[in-house]
Amino acid sequence: MRKIIVRDDHKLAPFNEAARELRVLNKPLWLHQRDVLGQYCTQEREVDSFNEIPAEQGELIVYRDNLFFDQDFMDAFIAEARRSGQARRVAFSPDDKAITSHALQLQRGIRREGEYYVADLWYFPNGVEENALPLVIDTGAREHGYYRVPAT
């Protein structure tokens, strides 16, 4: 599979750095993304916009370089997308508390489209297609109470 990385050079305050350069798990985000996708992808290409993606045949994963994903999330997305055999775009339920309570405040790339929230992550089984169907991924969010235990 080939990966196409859509660059986002928007600088994040207060760091004055692009998201791809910020450290996640003590690595720059771009390196974390590369490591997560390493088992799936053999080639990569960077473009400045979705419209610059070349019309090539073959299996593609396309994502914006400011998007955080972990191994479990990507494994679930790719497995479900491959199983469907269709062009898919990652989507989230409006009831997913991890997205609505936290991610929306941290990530301007997650937005409401129709009945779902979507992000800039696509799977194409045979080259880029115009209408990728939403693929809802459950983040498995659970609410945990935070309690202060009084000192004795």
N, C-alpha and C. Protein backbone atom coordinates (compact mmCIF):
# COMPACT_ATOMS: atom_id res chain seq x y z
N MET A 1 0.85 -1.17 0.00
CA MET A 1 0.00 0.00 0.00
C MET A 1 0.90 1.24 0.00
N ARG A 2 0.44 2.27 -0.69
CA ARG A 2 1.15 3.55 -0.69
C ARG A 2 0.42 4.52 0.23
N LYS A 3 1.18 5.42 0.84
CA LYS A 3 0.55 6.46 1.65
C LYS A 3 0.83 7.81 1.03
N ILE A 4 -0.20 8.63 1.07
CA ILE A 4 -0.11 10.00 0.60
C ILE A 4 -0.34 10.89 1.82
N ILE A 5 0.62 11.76 2.08
CA ILE A 5 0.55 12.65 3.24
C ILE A 5 0.21 14.05 2.75
N VAL A 6 -0.91 14.58 3.22
CA VAL A 6 -1.31 15.94 2.86
C VAL A 6 -0.73 16.87 3.92
N ARG A 7 0.19 17.73 3.51
CA ARG A 7 0.87 18.62 4.44
C ARG A 7 -0.07 19.71 4.96
N ASP A 8 0.11 20.04 6.22
CA ASP A 8 -0.59 21.17 6.85
C ASP A 8 0.46 21.97 7.60
N ASP A 9 0.86 23.10 7.04
CA ASP A 9 1.92 23.91 7.63
C ASP A 9 1.40 24.97 8.60
N HIS A 10 0.12 24.89 8.93
CA HIS A 10 -0.47 25.83 9.88
C HIS A 10 0.29 25.73 11.21
N LYS A 11 0.76 26.86 11.72
CA LYS A 11 1.51 26.89 12.99
C LYS A 11 0.54 26.90 14.17
N LEU A 12 0.82 26.08 15.15
CA LEU A 12 -0.03 25.98 16.33
C LEU A 12 0.49 26.88 17.44
N ALA A 13 -0.42 27.65 18.00
CA ALA A 13 -0.06 28.48 19.17
C ALA A 13 -0.10 27.59 20.40
N PRO A 14 0.68 27.79 21.37
CA PRO A 14 1.73 28.78 21.54
C PRO A 14 3.08 28.28 21.06
N PHE A 15 3.13 27.17 20.36
CA PHE A 15 4.39 26.53 20.00
C PHE A 15 5.06 27.13 18.76
N ASN A 16 4.26 27.75 17.89
CA ASN A 16 4.74 28.30 16.63
C ASN A 16 5.43 27.22 15.78
N GLU A 17 4.85 26.05 15.80
CA GLU A 17 5.33 24.90 15.03
C GLU A 17 4.14 24.25 14.33
N ALA A 18 4.40 23.61 13.21
CA ALA A 18 3.38 22.79 12.57
C ALA A 18 3.14 21.57 13.45
N ALA A 19 1.92 21.06 13.44
CA ALA A 19 1.57 19.91 14.29
C ALA A 19 2.49 18.73 14.03
N ARG A 20 2.89 18.52 12.80
CA ARG A 20 3.73 17.36 12.47
C ARG A 20 5.07 17.40 13.18
N GLU A 21 5.51 18.57 13.62
CA GLU A 21 6.79 18.70 14.31
C GLU A 21 6.68 18.58 15.82
N LEU A 22 5.47 18.66 16.36
CA LEU A 22 5.30 18.55 17.81
C LEU A 22 5.53 17.12 18.26
N ARG A 23 6.01 16.96 19.46
CA ARG A 23 6.37 15.64 19.97
C ARG A 23 5.17 14.95 20.61
N VAL A 24 5.00 13.69 20.22
CA VAL A 24 3.97 12.81 20.77
C VAL A 24 4.68 11.53 21.17
N LEU A 25 4.54 11.13 22.42
CA LEU A 25 5.22 9.94 22.91
C LEU A 25 6.73 10.05 22.67
N ASN A 26 7.25 11.25 22.85
CA ASN A 26 8.67 11.60 22.72
C ASN A 26 9.21 11.43 21.30
N LYS A 27 8.34 11.56 20.30
CA LYS A 27 8.75 11.54 18.89
C LYS A 27 8.01 12.67 18.19
N PRO A 28 8.58 13.22 17.14
CA PRO A 28 7.78 14.14 16.33
C PRO A 28 6.57 13.39 15.77
N LEU A 29 5.44 14.09 15.63
CA LEU A 29 4.22 13.45 15.16
C LEU A 29 4.44 12.73 13.83
N TRP A 30 5.19 13.32 12.91
CA TRP A 30 5.39 12.68 11.61
C TRP A 30 6.09 11.33 11.75
N LEU A 31 7.01 11.21 12.72
CA LEU A 31 7.70 9.94 12.93
C LEU A 31 6.77 8.92 13.58
N HIS A 32 5.95 9.38 14.50
CA HIS A 32 4.95 8.48 15.11
C HIS A 32 4.01 7.94 14.03
N GLN A 33 3.53 8.81 13.14
CA GLN A 33 2.64 8.38 12.06
C GLN A 33 3.35 7.34 11.16
N ARG A 34 4.60 7.61 10.84
CA ARG A 34 5.36 6.68 9.98
C ARG A 34 5.50 5.33 10.65
N ASP A 35 5.79 5.32 11.96
CA ASP A 35 5.94 4.06 12.68
C ASP A 35 4.64 3.27 12.72
N VAL A 36 3.52 3.96 12.96
CA VAL A 36 2.22 3.28 13.01
C VAL A 36 1.88 2.66 11.66
N LEU A 37 2.17 3.35 10.59
CA LEU A 37 1.82 2.86 9.25
C LEU A 37 2.90 1.99 8.62
N GLY A 38 4.02 1.80 9.31
CA GLY A 38 5.15 1.06 8.75
C GLY A 38 4.82 -0.34 8.27
N GLN A 39 3.96 -1.04 8.99
CA GLN A 39 3.63 -2.41 8.59
C GLN A 39 2.71 -2.47 7.38
N TYR A 40 2.09 -1.36 7.03
CA TYR A 40 1.13 -1.34 5.92
C TYR A 40 1.69 -0.74 4.64
N CYS A 41 2.60 0.22 4.74
CA CYS A 41 2.99 1.04 3.60
C CYS A 41 4.42 0.79 3.16
N THR A 42 4.61 0.74 1.85
CA THR A 42 5.94 0.55 1.29
C THR A 42 6.46 1.80 0.59
N GLN A 43 5.56 2.72 0.25
CA GLN A 43 5.95 3.95 -0.44
C GLN A 43 5.19 5.10 0.18
N GLU A 44 5.77 6.31 0.09
CA GLU A 44 5.05 7.48 0.57
C GLU A 44 5.32 8.66 -0.35
N ARG A 45 4.38 9.59 -0.32
CA ARG A 45 4.49 10.81 -1.10
C ARG A 45 3.81 11.93 -0.33
N GLU A 46 4.39 13.11 -0.34
CA GLU A 46 3.79 14.27 0.32
C GLU A 46 3.24 15.21 -0.74
N VAL A 47 2.06 15.77 -0.45
CA VAL A 47 1.43 16.76 -1.34
C VAL A 47 0.93 17.91 -0.48
N ASP A 48 0.68 19.05 -1.12
CA ASP A 48 0.21 20.22 -0.39
C ASP A 48 -1.31 20.28 -0.27
N SER A 49 -2.03 19.56 -1.12
CA SER A 49 -3.50 19.54 -1.03
C SER A 49 -4.02 18.21 -1.58
N PHE A 50 -5.24 17.91 -1.23
CA PHE A 50 -5.87 16.67 -1.69
C PHE A 50 -5.93 16.64 -3.22
N ASN A 51 -6.11 17.81 -3.84
CA ASN A 51 -6.22 17.89 -5.31
C ASN A 51 -4.92 17.55 -6.02
N GLU A 52 -3.78 17.56 -5.32
CA GLU A 52 -2.49 17.25 -5.93
C GLU A 52 -2.17 15.75 -5.93
N ILE A 53 -3.04 14.94 -5.37
CA ILE A 53 -2.77 13.50 -5.33
C ILE A 53 -2.81 12.96 -6.76
N PRO A 54 -1.76 12.29 -7.19
CA PRO A 54 -1.72 11.80 -8.57
C PRO A 54 -2.76 10.70 -8.80
N ALA A 55 -3.25 10.64 -10.02
CA ALA A 55 -4.23 9.62 -10.40
C ALA A 55 -3.48 8.32 -10.65
N GLU A 56 -3.30 7.55 -9.60
CA GLU A 56 -2.59 6.27 -9.69
C GLU A 56 -3.53 5.16 -9.27
N GLN A 57 -3.29 4.00 -9.79
CA GLN A 57 -4.06 2.83 -9.38
C GLN A 57 -3.37 2.16 -8.19
N GLY A 58 -4.11 1.37 -7.46
CA GLY A 58 -3.54 0.64 -6.35
C GLY A 58 -4.07 1.15 -5.02
N GLU A 59 -3.78 0.38 -3.99
CA GLU A 59 -4.26 0.66 -2.65
C GLU A 59 -3.54 1.87 -2.05
N LEU A 60 -4.32 2.83 -1.53
CA LEU A 60 -3.77 4.05 -0.95
C LEU A 60 -4.36 4.33 0.42
N ILE A 61 -3.54 4.89 1.29
CA ILE A 61 -4.01 5.50 2.54
C ILE A 61 -3.60 6.97 2.43
N VAL A 62 -4.53 7.86 2.68
CA VAL A 62 -4.28 9.30 2.56
C VAL A 62 -4.66 9.93 3.90
N TYR A 63 -3.77 10.79 4.42
CA TYR A 63 -4.07 11.47 5.68
C TYR A 63 -3.38 12.82 5.75
N ARG A 64 -3.97 13.72 6.52
CA ARG A 64 -3.37 15.04 6.78
C ARG A 64 -2.34 14.87 7.88
N ASP A 65 -1.19 15.52 7.73
CA ASP A 65 -0.06 15.28 8.64
C ASP A 65 -0.23 15.86 10.04
N ASN A 66 -1.35 16.50 10.33
CA ASN A 66 -1.59 17.01 11.69
C ASN A 66 -2.50 16.09 12.50
N LEU A 67 -2.80 14.93 11.98
CA LEU A 67 -3.75 14.01 12.61
C LEU A 67 -3.02 12.97 13.46
N PHE A 68 -3.42 12.88 14.73
CA PHE A 68 -2.85 11.85 15.60
C PHE A 68 -3.70 10.59 15.49
N PHE A 69 -3.04 9.46 15.38
CA PHE A 69 -3.70 8.15 15.45
C PHE A 69 -2.72 7.19 16.08
N ASP A 70 -3.25 6.20 16.79
CA ASP A 70 -2.37 5.19 17.38
C ASP A 70 -2.52 3.88 16.63
N GLN A 71 -1.75 2.89 17.02
CA GLN A 71 -1.71 1.62 16.29
C GLN A 71 -3.07 0.92 16.30
N ASP A 72 -3.74 0.86 17.45
CA ASP A 72 -5.03 0.17 17.52
C ASP A 72 -6.06 0.85 16.62
N PHE A 73 -6.08 2.16 16.65
CA PHE A 73 -7.01 2.91 15.81
C PHE A 73 -6.77 2.63 14.33
N MET A 74 -5.51 2.72 13.91
CA MET A 74 -5.19 2.50 12.50
C MET A 74 -5.44 1.05 12.09
N ASP A 75 -5.12 0.10 12.96
CA ASP A 75 -5.41 -1.31 12.65
C ASP A 75 -6.89 -1.52 12.41
N ALA A 76 -7.73 -0.93 13.27
CA ALA A 76 -9.18 -1.07 13.12
C ALA A 76 -9.66 -0.40 11.84
N PHE A 77 -9.17 0.80 11.56
CA PHE A 77 -9.60 1.52 10.36
C PHE A 77 -9.23 0.76 9.09
N ILE A 78 -7.98 0.33 8.98
CA ILE A 78 -7.55 -0.36 7.77
C ILE A 78 -8.25 -1.70 7.61
N ALA A 79 -8.41 -2.46 8.69
CA ALA A 79 -9.08 -3.75 8.60
C ALA A 79 -10.53 -3.59 8.12
N GLU A 80 -11.25 -2.65 8.70
CA GLU A 80 -12.65 -2.44 8.30
C GLU A 80 -12.75 -1.90 6.88
N ALA A 81 -11.86 -0.98 6.52
CA ALA A 81 -11.89 -0.41 5.18
C ALA A 81 -11.58 -1.48 4.14
N ARG A 82 -10.57 -2.29 4.40
CA ARG A 82 -10.24 -3.37 3.46
C ARG A 82 -11.39 -4.36 3.35
N ARG A 83 -12.00 -4.69 4.48
CA ARG A 83 -13.11 -5.64 4.48
C ARG A 83 -14.27 -5.12 3.62
N SER A 84 -14.49 -3.81 3.62
CA SER A 84 -15.60 -3.24 2.84
C SER A 84 -15.31 -3.26 1.35
N GLY A 85 -14.01 -3.17 0.97
CA GLY A 85 -13.63 -3.17 -0.43
C GLY A 85 -13.98 -1.87 -1.15
N GLN A 86 -14.35 -0.82 -0.41
CA GLN A 86 -14.75 0.45 -1.00
C GLN A 86 -13.88 1.59 -0.48
N ALA A 87 -13.94 2.72 -1.16
CA ALA A 87 -13.26 3.91 -0.69
C ALA A 87 -13.95 4.38 0.59
N ARG A 88 -13.16 4.62 1.65
CA ARG A 88 -13.72 4.99 2.95
C ARG A 88 -13.00 6.19 3.53
N ARG A 89 -13.73 6.94 4.34
CA ARG A 89 -13.18 8.08 5.08
C ARG A 89 -13.51 7.87 6.55
N VAL A 90 -12.55 8.14 7.42
CA VAL A 90 -12.79 7.92 8.83
C VAL A 90 -13.89 8.86 9.32
N ALA A 91 -14.76 8.32 10.15
CA ALA A 91 -15.87 9.09 10.72
C ALA A 91 -16.06 8.67 12.17
N PHE A 92 -16.71 9.55 12.92
CA PHE A 92 -16.97 9.30 14.33
C PHE A 92 -18.43 9.61 14.63
N SER A 93 -18.99 8.86 15.54
CA SER A 93 -20.36 9.08 15.98
C SER A 93 -20.46 10.39 16.76
N PRO A 94 -21.57 11.10 16.62
CA PRO A 94 -21.75 12.30 17.45
C PRO A 94 -21.92 11.97 18.93
N ASP A 95 -22.08 10.70 19.26
CA ASP A 95 -22.19 10.25 20.65
C ASP A 95 -20.85 9.83 21.24
N ASP A 96 -19.78 9.89 20.44
CA ASP A 96 -18.46 9.48 20.90
C ASP A 96 -17.87 10.61 21.76
N LYS A 97 -17.82 10.40 23.07
CA LYS A 97 -17.40 11.44 24.01
C LYS A 97 -15.93 11.82 23.85
N ALA A 98 -15.08 10.91 23.42
CA ALA A 98 -13.67 11.26 23.21
C ALA A 98 -13.55 12.32 22.12
N ILE A 99 -14.39 12.23 21.12
CA ILE A 99 -14.36 13.20 20.02
C ILE A 99 -15.05 14.49 20.42
N THR A 100 -16.30 14.40 20.91
CA THR A 100 -17.07 15.61 21.19
C THR A 100 -16.57 16.38 22.40
N SER A 101 -16.03 15.70 23.40
CA SER A 101 -15.59 16.39 24.61
C SER A 101 -14.14 16.84 24.56
N HIS A 102 -13.31 16.17 23.77
CA HIS A 102 -11.88 16.46 23.80
C HIS A 102 -11.30 16.79 22.42
N ALA A 103 -11.45 15.89 21.46
CA ALA A 103 -10.77 16.05 20.17
C ALA A 103 -11.21 17.30 19.41
N LEU A 104 -12.49 17.64 19.47
CA LEU A 104 -12.96 18.82 18.74
C LEU A 104 -12.29 20.10 19.23
N GLN A 105 -11.93 20.13 20.51
CA GLN A 105 -11.27 21.31 21.06
C GLN A 105 -9.78 21.36 20.69
N LEU A 106 -9.21 20.22 20.35
CA LEU A 106 -7.78 20.12 20.06
C LEU A 106 -7.45 20.07 18.57
N GLN A 107 -8.40 19.72 17.74
CA GLN A 107 -8.11 19.43 16.34
C GLN A 107 -9.13 20.13 15.45
N ARG A 108 -8.68 21.12 14.68
CA ARG A 108 -9.61 21.83 13.80
C ARG A 108 -9.98 21.02 12.57
N GLY A 109 -9.29 19.93 12.32
CA GLY A 109 -9.56 19.10 11.15
C GLY A 109 -10.71 18.12 11.33
N ILE A 110 -11.21 17.97 12.53
CA ILE A 110 -12.37 17.10 12.76
C ILE A 110 -13.60 17.99 12.70
N ARG A 111 -14.51 17.67 11.80
CA ARG A 111 -15.67 18.54 11.60
C ARG A 111 -16.92 17.73 11.30
N ARG A 112 -18.04 18.35 11.53
CA ARG A 112 -19.32 17.69 11.32
C ARG A 112 -19.67 17.74 9.83
N GLU A 113 -19.98 16.59 9.27
CA GLU A 113 -20.49 16.49 7.91
C GLU A 113 -21.64 15.51 7.94
N GLY A 114 -22.84 16.03 7.75
CA GLY A 114 -24.02 15.19 7.81
C GLY A 114 -24.24 14.66 9.21
N GLU A 115 -24.42 13.37 9.33
CA GLU A 115 -24.71 12.79 10.64
C GLU A 115 -23.47 12.37 11.42
N TYR A 116 -22.27 12.57 10.86
CA TYR A 116 -21.04 12.14 11.52
C TYR A 116 -20.04 13.29 11.63
N TYR A 117 -19.04 13.07 12.48
CA TYR A 117 -17.84 13.89 12.47
C TYR A 117 -16.84 13.15 11.58
N VAL A 118 -16.12 13.88 10.75
CA VAL A 118 -15.13 13.26 9.87
C VAL A 118 -13.77 13.92 10.09
N ALA A 119 -12.73 13.19 9.74
CA ALA A 119 -11.36 13.69 9.79
C ALA A 119 -10.69 13.39 8.45
N ASP A 120 -9.52 13.95 8.26
CA ASP A 120 -8.82 13.81 6.98
C ASP A 120 -7.96 12.55 6.95
N LEU A 121 -8.65 11.42 6.89
CA LEU A 121 -8.01 10.10 6.77
C LEU A 121 -8.88 9.27 5.85
N TRP A 122 -8.31 8.82 4.73
CA TRP A 122 -9.05 8.07 3.73
C TRP A 122 -8.32 6.77 3.40
N TYR A 123 -9.11 5.80 2.95
CA TYR A 123 -8.59 4.55 2.40
C TYR A 123 -9.19 4.40 1.01
N PHE A 124 -8.34 4.14 0.02
CA PHE A 124 -8.81 3.92 -1.35
C PHE A 124 -8.25 2.58 -1.82
N PRO A 125 -9.12 1.61 -2.16
CA PRO A 125 -8.63 0.30 -2.57
C PRO A 125 -7.98 0.29 -3.95
N ASN A 126 -8.35 1.26 -4.82
CA ASN A 126 -7.79 1.26 -6.16
C ASN A 126 -7.68 2.68 -6.71
N GLY A 127 -6.90 3.51 -6.05
CA GLY A 127 -6.73 4.89 -6.48
C GLY A 127 -7.81 5.79 -5.89
N VAL A 128 -7.57 7.09 -5.97
CA VAL A 128 -8.46 8.08 -5.37
C VAL A 128 -9.81 8.10 -6.08
N GLU A 129 -10.86 8.11 -5.28
CA GLU A 129 -12.23 8.23 -5.78
C GLU A 129 -12.86 9.45 -5.13
N GLU A 130 -13.85 10.04 -5.78
CA GLU A 130 -14.45 11.26 -5.27
C GLU A 130 -15.31 11.06 -4.02
N ASN A 131 -16.10 10.03 -3.99
CA ASN A 131 -17.07 9.87 -2.90
C ASN A 131 -16.71 8.69 -2.01
N ALA A 132 -15.87 8.95 -1.02
CA ALA A 132 -15.52 7.91 -0.05
C ALA A 132 -16.62 7.84 1.00
N LEU A 133 -17.08 6.66 1.28
CA LEU A 133 -18.13 6.47 2.28
C LEU A 133 -17.56 6.62 3.69
N PRO A 134 -18.35 7.16 4.62
CA PRO A 134 -17.85 7.27 5.99
C PRO A 134 -17.70 5.89 6.63
N LEU A 135 -16.64 5.71 7.38
CA LEU A 135 -16.41 4.48 8.14
C LEU A 135 -16.30 4.89 9.60
N VAL A 136 -17.33 4.60 10.38
CA VAL A 136 -17.38 5.02 11.78
C VAL A 136 -16.47 4.11 12.61
N ILE A 137 -15.52 4.75 13.28
CA ILE A 137 -14.62 4.05 14.18
C ILE A 137 -14.97 4.47 15.60
N ASP A 138 -15.22 3.51 16.45
CA ASP A 138 -15.54 3.77 17.85
C ASP A 138 -14.23 3.90 18.63
N THR A 139 -14.06 5.02 19.30
CA THR A 139 -12.82 5.22 20.06
C THR A 139 -12.82 4.46 21.37
N GLY A 140 -13.94 3.89 21.75
CA GLY A 140 -14.01 3.12 22.99
C GLY A 140 -13.92 4.00 24.23
N ALA A 141 -14.36 5.23 24.10
CA ALA A 141 -14.27 6.17 25.23
C ALA A 141 -15.17 5.74 26.37
N ARG A 142 -14.64 5.87 27.57
CA ARG A 142 -15.42 5.62 28.79
C ARG A 142 -15.14 6.76 29.75
N GLU A 143 -16.17 7.18 30.44
CA GLU A 143 -15.97 8.25 31.43
C GLU A 143 -15.43 7.64 32.71
N HIS A 144 -14.44 8.33 33.25
CA HIS A 144 -13.86 7.94 34.53
C HIS A 144 -13.98 9.12 35.47
N GLY A 145 -14.39 8.86 36.67
CA GLY A 145 -14.47 9.93 37.65
C GLY A 145 -13.09 10.27 38.19
N TYR A 146 -12.90 11.51 38.51
CA TYR A 146 -11.66 11.95 39.13
C TYR A 146 -11.98 12.36 40.56
N TYR A 147 -11.41 11.69 41.49
CA TYR A 147 -11.71 11.93 42.88
C TYR A 147 -10.44 12.29 43.63
N ARG A 148 -10.60 13.14 44.58
CA ARG A 148 -9.48 13.51 45.44
C ARG A 148 -9.66 12.76 46.76
N VAL A 149 -8.65 11.97 47.08
CA VAL A 149 -8.70 11.24 48.34
C VAL A 149 -8.14 12.15 49.44
N PRO A 150 -8.92 12.41 50.46
CA PRO A 150 -8.44 13.34 51.50
C PRO A 150 -7.22 12.79 52.23
N ALA A 151 -6.31 13.69 52.53
CA ALA A 151 -5.11 13.30 53.31
C ALA A 151 -5.53 13.08 54.77
N THR A 152 -4.91 12.12 55.41
CA THR A 152 -5.26 11.85 56.82
C THR A 152 -4.22 12.40 57.77
